[in-house]
Amino acid sequence: MKLLLIAMIISLSACATVKTLPTTTSHVNIEHHGKRSYCQSIPRIYSGFSYNLCKLHGEPSRQVNLGDSFNNVPFFIIDGTFSLVADTVILPYTLYTQNKHGSIDVN
């Protein structure tokens, strides 16, 4: 139980939703191990989940890094799950900010 709580705290501190939530955010840099994303923009609605998907849609890498995992579950899946939940909770707010400020530019 304690391990799960620690994992949740660590995941929320690095949660993609937290990175994309502020209304002052109009640009975000998305890269994974130095490889940039091909995404042009992400919507503010479900922005944390979109952020994680954009990490996957980037420059190919021949190097496989299995070190970014927790109990053999890749970190982006854990973060994506927490982001999906957080994005759903704040959906009314992100609907408003999407309408007022538009999408977030990437790279």
PDB file of N, CA and C in Angstrom:
ATOM      1  N   MET A   1       0.815  -1.194   0.000  1.00  0.00           N
ATOM      2  CA  MET A   1       0.000   0.000   0.000  1.00  0.00           C
ATOM      3  C   MET A   1       0.863   1.264   0.000  1.00  0.00           C
ATOM      4  N   LYS A   2       1.915   1.255   0.822  1.00  0.00           N
ATOM      5  CA  LYS A   2       2.806   2.415   0.883  1.00  0.00           C
ATOM      6  C   LYS A   2       3.510   2.611  -0.444  1.00  0.00           C
ATOM      7  N   LEU A   3       3.869   1.511  -1.096  1.00  0.00           N
ATOM      8  CA  LEU A   3       4.554   1.602  -2.382  1.00  0.00           C
ATOM      9  C   LEU A   3       3.648   2.243  -3.431  1.00  0.00           C
ATOM     10  N   LEU A   4       2.381   1.888  -3.405  1.00  0.00           N
ATOM     11  CA  LEU A   4       1.418   2.474  -4.333  1.00  0.00           C
ATOM     12  C   LEU A   4       1.252   3.968  -4.078  1.00  0.00           C
ATOM     13  N   LEU A   5       1.184   4.359  -2.810  1.00  0.00           N
ATOM     14  CA  LEU A   5       1.068   5.769  -2.460  1.00  0.00           C
ATOM     15  C   LEU A   5       2.288   6.565  -2.923  1.00  0.00           C
ATOM     16  N   ILE A   6       3.469   6.013  -2.729  1.00  0.00           N
ATOM     17  CA  ILE A   6       4.703   6.673  -3.181  1.00  0.00           C
ATOM     18  C   ILE A   6       4.708   6.804  -4.703  1.00  0.00           C
ATOM     19  N   ALA A   7       4.290   5.754  -5.385  1.00  0.00           N
ATOM     20  CA  ALA A   7       4.235   5.797  -6.855  1.00  0.00           C
ATOM     21  C   ALA A   7       3.263   6.859  -7.342  1.00  0.00           C
ATOM     22  N   MET A   8       2.129   7.004  -6.648  1.00  0.00           N
ATOM     23  CA  MET A   8       1.148   8.018  -7.036  1.00  0.00           C
ATOM     24  C   MET A   8       1.695   9.417  -6.828  1.00  0.00           C
ATOM     25  N   ILE A   9       2.373   9.656  -5.727  1.00  0.00           N
ATOM     26  CA  ILE A   9       2.943  10.977  -5.449  1.00  0.00           C
ATOM     27  C   ILE A   9       3.999  11.333  -6.486  1.00  0.00           C
ATOM     28  N   ILE A  10       4.859  10.386  -6.807  1.00  0.00           N
ATOM     29  CA  ILE A  10       5.899  10.629  -7.811  1.00  0.00           C
ATOM     30  C   ILE A  10       5.274  10.887  -9.173  1.00  0.00           C
ATOM     31  N   SER A  11       4.266  10.111  -9.524  1.00  0.00           N
ATOM     32  CA  SER A  11       3.620  10.285 -10.824  1.00  0.00           C
ATOM     33  C   SER A  11       2.906  11.622 -10.930  1.00  0.00           C
ATOM     34  N   LEU A  12       2.244  12.051  -9.865  1.00  0.00           N
ATOM     35  CA  LEU A  12       1.535  13.322  -9.918  1.00  0.00           C
ATOM     36  C   LEU A  12       2.487  14.503  -9.980  1.00  0.00           C
ATOM     37  N   SER A  13       3.663  14.365  -9.393  1.00  0.00           N
ATOM     38  CA  SER A  13       4.614  15.474  -9.458  1.00  0.00           C
ATOM     39  C   SER A  13       5.186  15.636 -10.859  1.00  0.00           C
ATOM     40  N   ALA A  14       5.185  14.583 -11.632  1.00  0.00           N
ATOM     41  CA  ALA A  14       5.691  14.647 -13.006  1.00  0.00           C
ATOM     42  C   ALA A  14       4.554  14.535 -14.019  1.00  0.00           C
ATOM     43  N   CYS A  15       3.342  14.614 -13.549  1.00  0.00           N
ATOM     44  CA  CYS A  15       2.171  14.429 -14.394  1.00  0.00           C
ATOM     45  C   CYS A  15       2.132  15.453 -15.525  1.00  0.00           C
ATOM     46  N   ALA A  16       1.880  14.974 -16.726  1.00  0.00           N
ATOM     47  CA  ALA A  16       1.834  15.854 -17.890  1.00  0.00           C
ATOM     48  C   ALA A  16       0.709  16.872 -17.793  1.00  0.00           C
ATOM     49  N   THR A  17      -0.362  16.541 -17.095  1.00  0.00           N
ATOM     50  CA  THR A  17      -1.463  17.491 -16.927  1.00  0.00           C
ATOM     51  C   THR A  17      -0.994  18.728 -16.172  1.00  0.00           C
ATOM     52  N   VAL A  18      -0.165  18.527 -15.162  1.00  0.00           N
ATOM     53  CA  VAL A  18       0.355  19.646 -14.376  1.00  0.00           C
ATOM     54  C   VAL A  18       1.218  20.555 -15.258  1.00  0.00           C
ATOM     55  N   LYS A  19       1.947  19.991 -16.201  1.00  0.00           N
ATOM     56  CA  LYS A  19       2.809  20.776 -17.087  1.00  0.00           C
ATOM     57  C   LYS A  19       2.008  21.615 -18.074  1.00  0.00           C
ATOM     58  N   THR A  20       0.819  21.160 -18.432  1.00  0.00           N
ATOM     59  CA  THR A  20       0.058  21.828 -19.488  1.00  0.00           C
ATOM     60  C   THR A  20      -1.160  22.588 -18.977  1.00  0.00           C
ATOM     61  N   LEU A  21      -1.419  22.566 -17.694  1.00  0.00           N
ATOM     62  CA  LEU A  21      -2.639  23.142 -17.137  1.00  0.00           C
ATOM     63  C   LEU A  21      -2.680  24.661 -17.044  1.00  0.00           C
ATOM     64  N   PRO A  22      -1.619  25.352 -16.644  1.00  0.00           N
ATOM     65  CA  PRO A  22      -1.740  26.805 -16.441  1.00  0.00           C
ATOM     66  C   PRO A  22      -2.194  27.534 -17.712  1.00  0.00           C
ATOM     67  N   THR A  23      -3.043  28.549 -17.535  1.00  0.00           N
ATOM     68  CA  THR A  23      -3.529  29.313 -18.690  1.00  0.00           C
ATOM     69  C   THR A  23      -2.409  30.128 -19.325  1.00  0.00           C
ATOM     70  N   THR A  24      -1.322  30.370 -18.583  1.00  0.00           N
ATOM     71  CA  THR A  24      -0.191  31.102 -19.145  1.00  0.00           C
ATOM     72  C   THR A  24       0.631  30.233 -20.089  1.00  0.00           C
ATOM     73  N   THR A  25       0.371  28.934 -20.091  1.00  0.00           N
ATOM     74  CA  THR A  25       1.091  28.023 -20.971  1.00  0.00           C
ATOM     75  C   THR A  25       0.537  28.145 -22.384  1.00  0.00           C
ATOM     76  N   SER A  26       1.350  28.665 -23.288  1.00  0.00           N
ATOM     77  CA  SER A  26       0.941  28.744 -24.688  1.00  0.00           C
ATOM     78  C   SER A  26       1.900  27.952 -25.573  1.00  0.00           C
ATOM     79  N   HIS A  27       2.973  27.454 -24.961  1.00  0.00           N
ATOM     80  CA  HIS A  27       3.978  26.688 -25.674  1.00  0.00           C
ATOM     81  C   HIS A  27       4.554  25.641 -24.734  1.00  0.00           C
ATOM     82  N   VAL A  28       4.765  24.437 -25.238  1.00  0.00           N
ATOM     83  CA  VAL A  28       5.361  23.378 -24.431  1.00  0.00           C
ATOM     84  C   VAL A  28       6.381  22.629 -25.290  1.00  0.00           C
ATOM     85  N   ASN A  29       7.487  22.272 -24.680  1.00  0.00           N
ATOM     86  CA  ASN A  29       8.533  21.528 -25.369  1.00  0.00           C
ATOM     87  C   ASN A  29       8.367  20.051 -25.026  1.00  0.00           C
ATOM     88  N   ILE A  30       8.146  19.221 -26.032  1.00  0.00           N
ATOM     89  CA  ILE A  30       7.958  17.789 -25.815  1.00  0.00           C
ATOM     90  C   ILE A  30       9.093  17.047 -26.490  1.00  0.00           C
ATOM     91  N   GLU A  31       9.856  16.339 -25.679  1.00  0.00           N
ATOM     92  CA  GLU A  31      10.911  15.485 -26.215  1.00  0.00           C
ATOM     93  C   GLU A  31      11.112  14.315 -25.274  1.00  0.00           C
ATOM     94  N   HIS A  32      11.656  13.244 -25.817  1.00  0.00           N
ATOM     95  CA  HIS A  32      11.917  12.036 -25.034  1.00  0.00           C
ATOM     96  C   HIS A  32      13.317  11.554 -25.374  1.00  0.00           C
ATOM     97  N   HIS A  33      14.184  11.585 -24.400  1.00  0.00           N
ATOM     98  CA  HIS A  33      15.592  11.202 -24.584  1.00  0.00           C
ATOM     99  C   HIS A  33      16.236  11.975 -25.728  1.00  0.00           C
ATOM    100  N   GLY A  34      15.970  13.271 -25.792  1.00  0.00           N
ATOM    101  CA  GLY A  34      16.585  14.133 -26.784  1.00  0.00           C
ATOM    102  C   GLY A  34      15.923  14.098 -28.153  1.00  0.00           C
ATOM    103  N   LYS A  35      14.906  13.279 -28.331  1.00  0.00           N
ATOM    104  CA  LYS A  35      14.195  13.181 -29.612  1.00  0.00           C
ATOM    105  C   LYS A  35      12.936  14.028 -29.537  1.00  0.00           C
ATOM    106  N   ARG A  36      12.779  14.949 -30.498  1.00  0.00           N
ATOM    107  CA  ARG A  36      11.652  15.883 -30.488  1.00  0.00           C
ATOM    108  C   ARG A  36      10.382  15.226 -31.036  1.00  0.00           C
ATOM    109  N   SER A  37       9.250  15.768 -30.628  1.00  0.00           N
ATOM    110  CA  SER A  37       7.950  15.278 -31.071  1.00  0.00           C
ATOM    111  C   SER A  37       7.603  15.872 -32.433  1.00  0.00           C
ATOM    112  N   TYR A  38       6.824  15.138 -33.212  1.00  0.00           N
ATOM    113  CA  TYR A  38       6.327  15.642 -34.487  1.00  0.00           C
ATOM    114  C   TYR A  38       5.033  16.448 -34.316  1.00  0.00           C
ATOM    115  N   CYS A  39       4.464  16.455 -33.132  1.00  0.00           N
ATOM    116  CA  CYS A  39       3.217  17.177 -32.893  1.00  0.00           C
ATOM    117  C   CYS A  39       3.426  18.682 -33.076  1.00  0.00           C
ATOM    118  N   GLN A  40       2.463  19.342 -33.677  1.00  0.00           N
ATOM    119  CA  GLN A  40       2.500  20.787 -33.890  1.00  0.00           C
ATOM    120  C   GLN A  40       1.838  21.522 -32.729  1.00  0.00           C
ATOM    121  N   SER A  41       0.738  20.945 -32.211  1.00  0.00           N
ATOM    122  CA  SER A  41       0.014  21.540 -31.091  1.00  0.00           C
ATOM    123  C   SER A  41      -0.772  20.446 -30.384  1.00  0.00           C
ATOM    124  N   ILE A  42      -1.179  20.753 -29.154  1.00  0.00           N
ATOM    125  CA  ILE A  42      -2.045  19.847 -28.413  1.00  0.00           C
ATOM    126  C   ILE A  42      -3.224  20.648 -27.874  1.00  0.00           C
ATOM    127  N   PRO A  43      -4.405  20.030 -27.823  1.00  0.00           N
ATOM    128  CA  PRO A  43      -5.552  20.745 -27.280  1.00  0.00           C
ATOM    129  C   PRO A  43      -5.430  20.856 -25.763  1.00  0.00           C
ATOM    130  N   ARG A  44      -6.035  21.867 -25.197  1.00  0.00           N
ATOM    131  CA  ARG A  44      -6.045  22.004 -23.735  1.00  0.00           C
ATOM    132  C   ARG A  44      -6.960  20.959 -23.104  1.00  0.00           C
ATOM    133  N   ILE A  45      -7.950  20.484 -23.847  1.00  0.00           N
ATOM    134  CA  ILE A  45      -8.841  19.425 -23.372  1.00  0.00           C
ATOM    135  C   ILE A  45      -8.060  18.110 -23.468  1.00  0.00           C
ATOM    136  N   TYR A  46      -7.915  17.425 -22.341  1.00  0.00           N
ATOM    137  CA  TYR A  46      -7.099  16.211 -22.232  1.00  0.00           C
ATOM    138  C   TYR A  46      -5.664  16.482 -22.674  1.00  0.00           C
ATOM    139  N   SER A  47      -5.128  17.634 -22.274  1.00  0.00           N
ATOM    140  CA  SER A  47      -3.780  18.038 -22.672  1.00  0.00           C
ATOM    141  C   SER A  47      -2.694  17.142 -22.080  1.00  0.00           C
ATOM    142  N   GLY A  48      -2.883  16.662 -20.876  1.00  0.00           N
ATOM    143  CA  GLY A  48      -1.880  15.781 -20.271  1.00  0.00           C
ATOM    144  C   GLY A  48      -1.761  14.472 -21.025  1.00  0.00           C
ATOM    145  N   PHE A  49      -2.897  13.895 -21.390  1.00  0.00           N
ATOM    146  CA  PHE A  49      -2.883  12.651 -22.150  1.00  0.00           C
ATOM    147  C   PHE A  49      -2.316  12.892 -23.551  1.00  0.00           C
ATOM    148  N   SER A  50      -2.690  14.021 -24.160  1.00  0.00           N
ATOM    149  CA  SER A  50      -2.164  14.374 -25.486  1.00  0.00           C
ATOM    150  C   SER A  50      -0.655  14.570 -25.431  1.00  0.00           C
ATOM    151  N   TYR A  51      -0.177  15.171 -24.350  1.00  0.00           N
ATOM    152  CA  TYR A  51       1.261  15.375 -24.142  1.00  0.00           C
ATOM    153  C   TYR A  51       1.988  14.031 -24.182  1.00  0.00           C
ATOM    154  N   ASN A  52       1.454  13.040 -23.482  1.00  0.00           N
ATOM    155  CA  ASN A  52       2.079  11.720 -23.464  1.00  0.00           C
ATOM    156  C   ASN A  52       2.033  11.046 -24.834  1.00  0.00           C
ATOM    157  N   LEU A  53       0.937  11.211 -25.560  1.00  0.00           N
ATOM    158  CA  LEU A  53       0.862  10.640 -26.901  1.00  0.00           C
ATOM    159  C   LEU A  53       1.879  11.300 -27.834  1.00  0.00           C
ATOM    160  N   CYS A  54       2.089  12.600 -27.663  1.00  0.00           N
ATOM    161  CA  CYS A  54       3.067  13.308 -28.489  1.00  0.00           C
ATOM    162  C   CYS A  54       4.500  12.855 -28.184  1.00  0.00           C
ATOM    163  N   LYS A  55       4.745  12.406 -26.965  1.00  0.00           N
ATOM    164  CA  LYS A  55       6.064  11.857 -26.645  1.00  0.00           C
ATOM    165  C   LYS A  55       6.332  10.598 -27.464  1.00  0.00           C
ATOM    166  N   LEU A  56       5.276   9.845 -27.750  1.00  0.00           N
ATOM    167  CA  LEU A  56       5.418   8.629 -28.547  1.00  0.00           C
ATOM    168  C   LEU A  56       5.533   8.937 -30.035  1.00  0.00           C
ATOM    169  N   HIS A  57       4.941  10.051 -30.466  1.00  0.00           N
ATOM    170  CA  HIS A  57       4.935  10.435 -31.882  1.00  0.00           C
ATOM    171  C   HIS A  57       6.085  11.413 -32.135  1.00  0.00           C
ATOM    172  N   GLY A  58       7.287  10.863 -32.198  1.00  0.00           N
ATOM    173  CA  GLY A  58       8.451  11.713 -32.373  1.00  0.00           C
ATOM    174  C   GLY A  58       9.521  11.048 -33.214  1.00  0.00           C
ATOM    175  N   GLU A  59      10.672  11.675 -33.233  1.00  0.00           N
ATOM    176  CA  GLU A  59      11.797  11.150 -33.991  1.00  0.00           C
ATOM    177  C   GLU A  59      12.121   9.734 -33.528  1.00  0.00           C
ATOM    178  N   PRO A  60      12.361   8.832 -34.477  1.00  0.00           N
ATOM    179  CA  PRO A  60      12.669   7.454 -34.089  1.00  0.00           C
ATOM    180  C   PRO A  60      14.025   7.356 -33.389  1.00  0.00           C
ATOM    181  N   SER A  61      14.124   6.380 -32.534  1.00  0.00           N
ATOM    182  CA  SER A  61      15.358   6.146 -31.800  1.00  0.00           C
ATOM    183  C   SER A  61      15.731   4.678 -31.922  1.00  0.00           C
ATOM    184  N   ARG A  62      16.975   4.421 -32.230  1.00  0.00           N
ATOM    185  CA  ARG A  62      17.439   3.032 -32.320  1.00  0.00           C
ATOM    186  C   ARG A  62      17.755   2.479 -30.938  1.00  0.00           C
ATOM    187  N   GLN A  63      17.884   3.367 -29.988  1.00  0.00           N
ATOM    188  CA  GLN A  63      18.234   2.982 -28.631  1.00  0.00           C
ATOM    189  C   GLN A  63      16.960   2.668 -27.844  1.00  0.00           C
ATOM    190  N   VAL A  64      16.911   1.473 -27.263  1.00  0.00           N
ATOM    191  CA  VAL A  64      15.780   1.092 -26.424  1.00  0.00           C
ATOM    192  C   VAL A  64      16.205   1.277 -24.981  1.00  0.00           C
ATOM    193  N   ASN A  65      15.464   2.086 -24.246  1.00  0.00           N
ATOM    194  CA  ASN A  65      15.783   2.358 -22.856  1.00  0.00           C
ATOM    195  C   ASN A  65      14.677   1.794 -21.977  1.00  0.00           C
ATOM    196  N   LEU A  66      14.950   0.686 -21.311  1.00  0.00           N
ATOM    197  CA  LEU A  66      13.959   0.066 -20.450  1.00  0.00           C
ATOM    198  C   LEU A  66      14.083   0.547 -19.010  1.00  0.00           C
ATOM    199  N   GLY A  67      14.956   1.505 -18.753  1.00  0.00           N
ATOM    200  CA  GLY A  67      15.151   2.007 -17.404  1.00  0.00           C
ATOM    201  C   GLY A  67      14.029   2.900 -16.920  1.00  0.00           C
ATOM    202  N   ASP A  68      13.209   3.426 -17.819  1.00  0.00           N
ATOM    203  CA  ASP A  68      12.108   4.314 -17.441  1.00  0.00           C
ATOM    204  C   ASP A  68      10.843   3.498 -17.196  1.00  0.00           C
ATOM    205  N   SER A  69      10.875   2.686 -16.139  1.00  0.00           N
ATOM    206  CA  SER A  69       9.715   1.857 -15.834  1.00  0.00           C
ATOM    207  C   SER A  69       9.594   1.675 -14.327  1.00  0.00           C
ATOM    208  N   PHE A  70       8.421   1.237 -13.912  1.00  0.00           N
ATOM    209  CA  PHE A  70       8.150   0.936 -12.513  1.00  0.00           C
ATOM    210  C   PHE A  70       7.501  -0.441 -12.494  1.00  0.00           C
ATOM    211  N   ASN A  71       8.175  -1.413 -11.906  1.00  0.00           N
ATOM    212  CA  ASN A  71       7.714  -2.808 -11.918  1.00  0.00           C
ATOM    213  C   ASN A  71       7.434  -3.294 -13.340  1.00  0.00           C
ATOM    214  N   ASN A  72       8.334  -2.973 -14.253  1.00  0.00           N
ATOM    215  CA  ASN A  72       8.277  -3.349 -15.667  1.00  0.00           C
ATOM    216  C   ASN A  72       7.106  -2.726 -16.432  1.00  0.00           C
ATOM    217  N   VAL A  73       6.490  -1.690 -15.865  1.00  0.00           N
ATOM    218  CA  VAL A  73       5.457  -0.932 -16.578  1.00  0.00           C
ATOM    219  C   VAL A  73       6.096   0.388 -16.992  1.00  0.00           C
ATOM    220  N   PRO A  74       6.154   0.665 -18.306  1.00  0.00           N
ATOM    221  CA  PRO A  74       6.782   1.918 -18.752  1.00  0.00           C
ATOM    222  C   PRO A  74       6.144   3.129 -18.079  1.00  0.00           C
ATOM    223  N   PHE A  75       6.988   4.099 -17.728  1.00  0.00           N
ATOM    224  CA  PHE A  75       6.531   5.272 -16.994  1.00  0.00           C
ATOM    225  C   PHE A  75       5.481   6.062 -17.764  1.00  0.00           C
ATOM    226  N   PHE A  76       5.587   6.118 -19.105  1.00  0.00           N
ATOM    227  CA  PHE A  76       4.613   6.907 -19.859  1.00  0.00           C
ATOM    228  C   PHE A  76       3.214   6.300 -19.762  1.00  0.00           C
ATOM    229  N   ILE A  77       3.098   5.001 -19.527  1.00  0.00           N
ATOM    230  CA  ILE A  77       1.781   4.379 -19.338  1.00  0.00           C
ATOM    231  C   ILE A  77       1.217   4.772 -17.972  1.00  0.00           C
ATOM    232  N   ILE A  78       2.068   4.762 -16.953  1.00  0.00           N
ATOM    233  CA  ILE A  78       1.639   5.171 -15.623  1.00  0.00           C
ATOM    234  C   ILE A  78       1.224   6.641 -15.634  1.00  0.00           C
ATOM    235  N   ASP A  79       2.085   7.493 -16.206  1.00  0.00           N
ATOM    236  CA  ASP A  79       1.788   8.918 -16.274  1.00  0.00           C
ATOM    237  C   ASP A  79       0.556   9.173 -17.132  1.00  0.00           C
ATOM    238  N   GLY A  80       0.426   8.430 -18.221  1.00  0.00           N
ATOM    239  CA  GLY A  80      -0.738   8.589 -19.088  1.00  0.00           C
ATOM    240  C   GLY A  80      -2.035   8.254 -18.369  1.00  0.00           C
ATOM    241  N   THR A  81      -2.004   7.236 -17.530  1.00  0.00           N
ATOM    242  CA  THR A  81      -3.188   6.847 -16.766  1.00  0.00           C
ATOM    243  C   THR A  81      -3.568   7.936 -15.766  1.00  0.00           C
ATOM    244  N   PHE A  82      -2.578   8.416 -15.009  1.00  0.00           N
ATOM    245  CA  PHE A  82      -2.851   9.495 -14.052  1.00  0.00           C
ATOM    246  C   PHE A  82      -3.293  10.765 -14.777  1.00  0.00           C
ATOM    247  N   SER A  83      -2.687  11.051 -15.926  1.00  0.00           N
ATOM    248  CA  SER A  83      -3.073  12.239 -16.692  1.00  0.00           C
ATOM    249  C   SER A  83      -4.504  12.124 -17.196  1.00  0.00           C
ATOM    250  N   LEU A  84      -4.887  10.947 -17.632  1.00  0.00           N
ATOM    251  CA  LEU A  84      -6.250  10.736 -18.122  1.00  0.00           C
ATOM    252  C   LEU A  84      -7.267  10.993 -17.014  1.00  0.00           C
ATOM    253  N   VAL A  85      -6.976  10.510 -15.810  1.00  0.00           N
ATOM    254  CA  VAL A  85      -7.872  10.746 -14.673  1.00  0.00           C
ATOM    255  C   VAL A  85      -7.903  12.236 -14.320  1.00  0.00           C
ATOM    256  N   ALA A  86      -6.721  12.848 -14.220  1.00  0.00           N
ATOM    257  CA  ALA A  86      -6.646  14.275 -13.871  1.00  0.00           C
ATOM    258  C   ALA A  86      -7.327  15.134 -14.934  1.00  0.00           C
ATOM    259  N   ASP A  87      -7.117  14.803 -16.207  1.00  0.00           N
ATOM    260  CA  ASP A  87      -7.754  15.558 -17.293  1.00  0.00           C
ATOM    261  C   ASP A  87      -9.274  15.460 -17.230  1.00  0.00           C
ATOM    262  N   THR A  88      -9.786  14.311 -16.839  1.00  0.00           N
ATOM    263  CA  THR A  88     -11.235  14.138 -16.726  1.00  0.00           C
ATOM    264  C   THR A  88     -11.789  14.972 -15.577  1.00  0.00           C
ATOM    265  N   VAL A  89     -11.075  15.024 -14.463  1.00  0.00           N
ATOM    266  CA  VAL A  89     -11.525  15.800 -13.302  1.00  0.00           C
ATOM    267  C   VAL A  89     -11.591  17.288 -13.627  1.00  0.00           C
ATOM    268  N   ILE A  90     -10.623  17.791 -14.377  1.00  0.00           N
ATOM    269  CA  ILE A  90     -10.569  19.232 -14.668  1.00  0.00           C
ATOM    270  C   ILE A  90     -11.183  19.587 -16.024  1.00  0.00           C
ATOM    271  N   LEU A  91     -11.965  18.685 -16.579  1.00  0.00           N
ATOM    272  CA  LEU A  91     -12.565  18.894 -17.903  1.00  0.00           C
ATOM    273  C   LEU A  91     -13.364  20.194 -18.023  1.00  0.00           C
ATOM    274  N   PRO A  92     -14.193  20.570 -17.066  1.00  0.00           N
ATOM    275  CA  PRO A  92     -14.914  21.850 -17.224  1.00  0.00           C
ATOM    276  C   PRO A  92     -13.965  23.045 -17.375  1.00  0.00           C
ATOM    277  N   TYR A  93     -12.895  23.064 -16.612  1.00  0.00           N
ATOM    278  CA  TYR A  93     -11.916  24.147 -16.698  1.00  0.00           C
ATOM    279  C   TYR A  93     -11.206  24.151 -18.051  1.00  0.00           C
ATOM    280  N   THR A  94     -10.792  22.973 -18.526  1.00  0.00           N
ATOM    281  CA  THR A  94     -10.066  22.928 -19.799  1.00  0.00           C
ATOM    282  C   THR A  94     -10.982  23.217 -20.986  1.00  0.00           C
ATOM    283  N   LEU A  95     -12.250  22.900 -20.875  1.00  0.00           N
ATOM    284  CA  LEU A  95     -13.193  23.292 -21.937  1.00  0.00           C
ATOM    285  C   LEU A  95     -13.242  24.814 -22.059  1.00  0.00           C
ATOM    286  N   TYR A  96     -13.292  25.478 -20.925  1.00  0.00           N
ATOM    287  CA  TYR A  96     -13.303  26.948 -20.908  1.00  0.00           C
ATOM    288  C   TYR A  96     -12.002  27.515 -21.475  1.00  0.00           C
ATOM    289  N   THR A  97     -10.846  27.006 -21.004  1.00  0.00           N
ATOM    290  CA  THR A  97      -9.566  27.565 -21.460  1.00  0.00           C
ATOM    291  C   THR A  97      -9.286  27.244 -22.925  1.00  0.00           C
ATOM    292  N   GLN A  98      -9.768  26.110 -23.410  1.00  0.00           N
ATOM    293  CA  GLN A  98      -9.611  25.793 -24.837  1.00  0.00           C
ATOM    294  C   GLN A  98     -10.368  26.810 -25.672  1.00  0.00           C
ATOM    295  N   ASN A  99     -11.576  27.133 -25.239  1.00  0.00           N
ATOM    296  CA  ASN A  99     -12.390  28.105 -25.954  1.00  0.00           C
ATOM    297  C   ASN A  99     -11.778  29.499 -25.911  1.00  0.00           C
ATOM    298  N   LYS A 100     -11.217  29.867 -24.753  1.00  0.00           N
ATOM    299  CA  LYS A 100     -10.672  31.222 -24.585  1.00  0.00           C
ATOM    300  C   LYS A 100      -9.270  31.387 -25.165  1.00  0.00           C
ATOM    301  N   HIS A 101      -8.381  30.408 -24.960  1.00  0.00           N
ATOM    302  CA  HIS A 101      -6.973  30.552 -25.337  1.00  0.00           C
ATOM    303  C   HIS A 101      -6.542  29.681 -26.524  1.00  0.00           C
ATOM    304  N   GLY A 102      -7.326  28.695 -26.918  1.00  0.00           N
ATOM    305  CA  GLY A 102      -6.955  27.818 -28.008  1.00  0.00           C
ATOM    306  C   GLY A 102      -5.967  26.741 -27.585  1.00  0.00           C
ATOM    307  N   SER A 103      -5.406  26.065 -28.555  1.00  0.00           N
ATOM    308  CA  SER A 103      -4.498  24.951 -28.305  1.00  0.00           C
ATOM    309  C   SER A 103      -3.121  25.436 -27.870  1.00  0.00           C
ATOM    310  N   ILE A 104      -2.305  24.516 -27.381  1.00  0.00           N
ATOM    311  CA  ILE A 104      -0.956  24.800 -26.919  1.00  0.00           C
ATOM    312  C   ILE A 104       0.029  24.401 -28.017  1.00  0.00           C
ATOM    313  N   ASP A 105       0.903  25.313 -28.426  1.00  0.00           N
ATOM    314  CA  ASP A 105       1.913  25.017 -29.439  1.00  0.00           C
ATOM    315  C   ASP A 105       2.978  24.085 -28.856  1.00  0.00           C
ATOM    316  N   VAL A 106       3.500  23.207 -29.700  1.00  0.00           N
ATOM    317  CA  VAL A 106       4.513  22.247 -29.279  1.00  0.00           C
ATOM    318  C   VAL A 106       5.837  22.569 -29.985  1.00  0.00           C
ATOM    319  N   ASN A 107       6.920  22.470 -29.232  1.00  0.00           N
ATOM    320  CA  ASN A 107       8.291  22.699 -29.712  1.00  0.00           C
ATOM    321  C   ASN A 107       8.359  24.036 -30.390  1.00  0.00           C
TER     322      ASN A 107
END
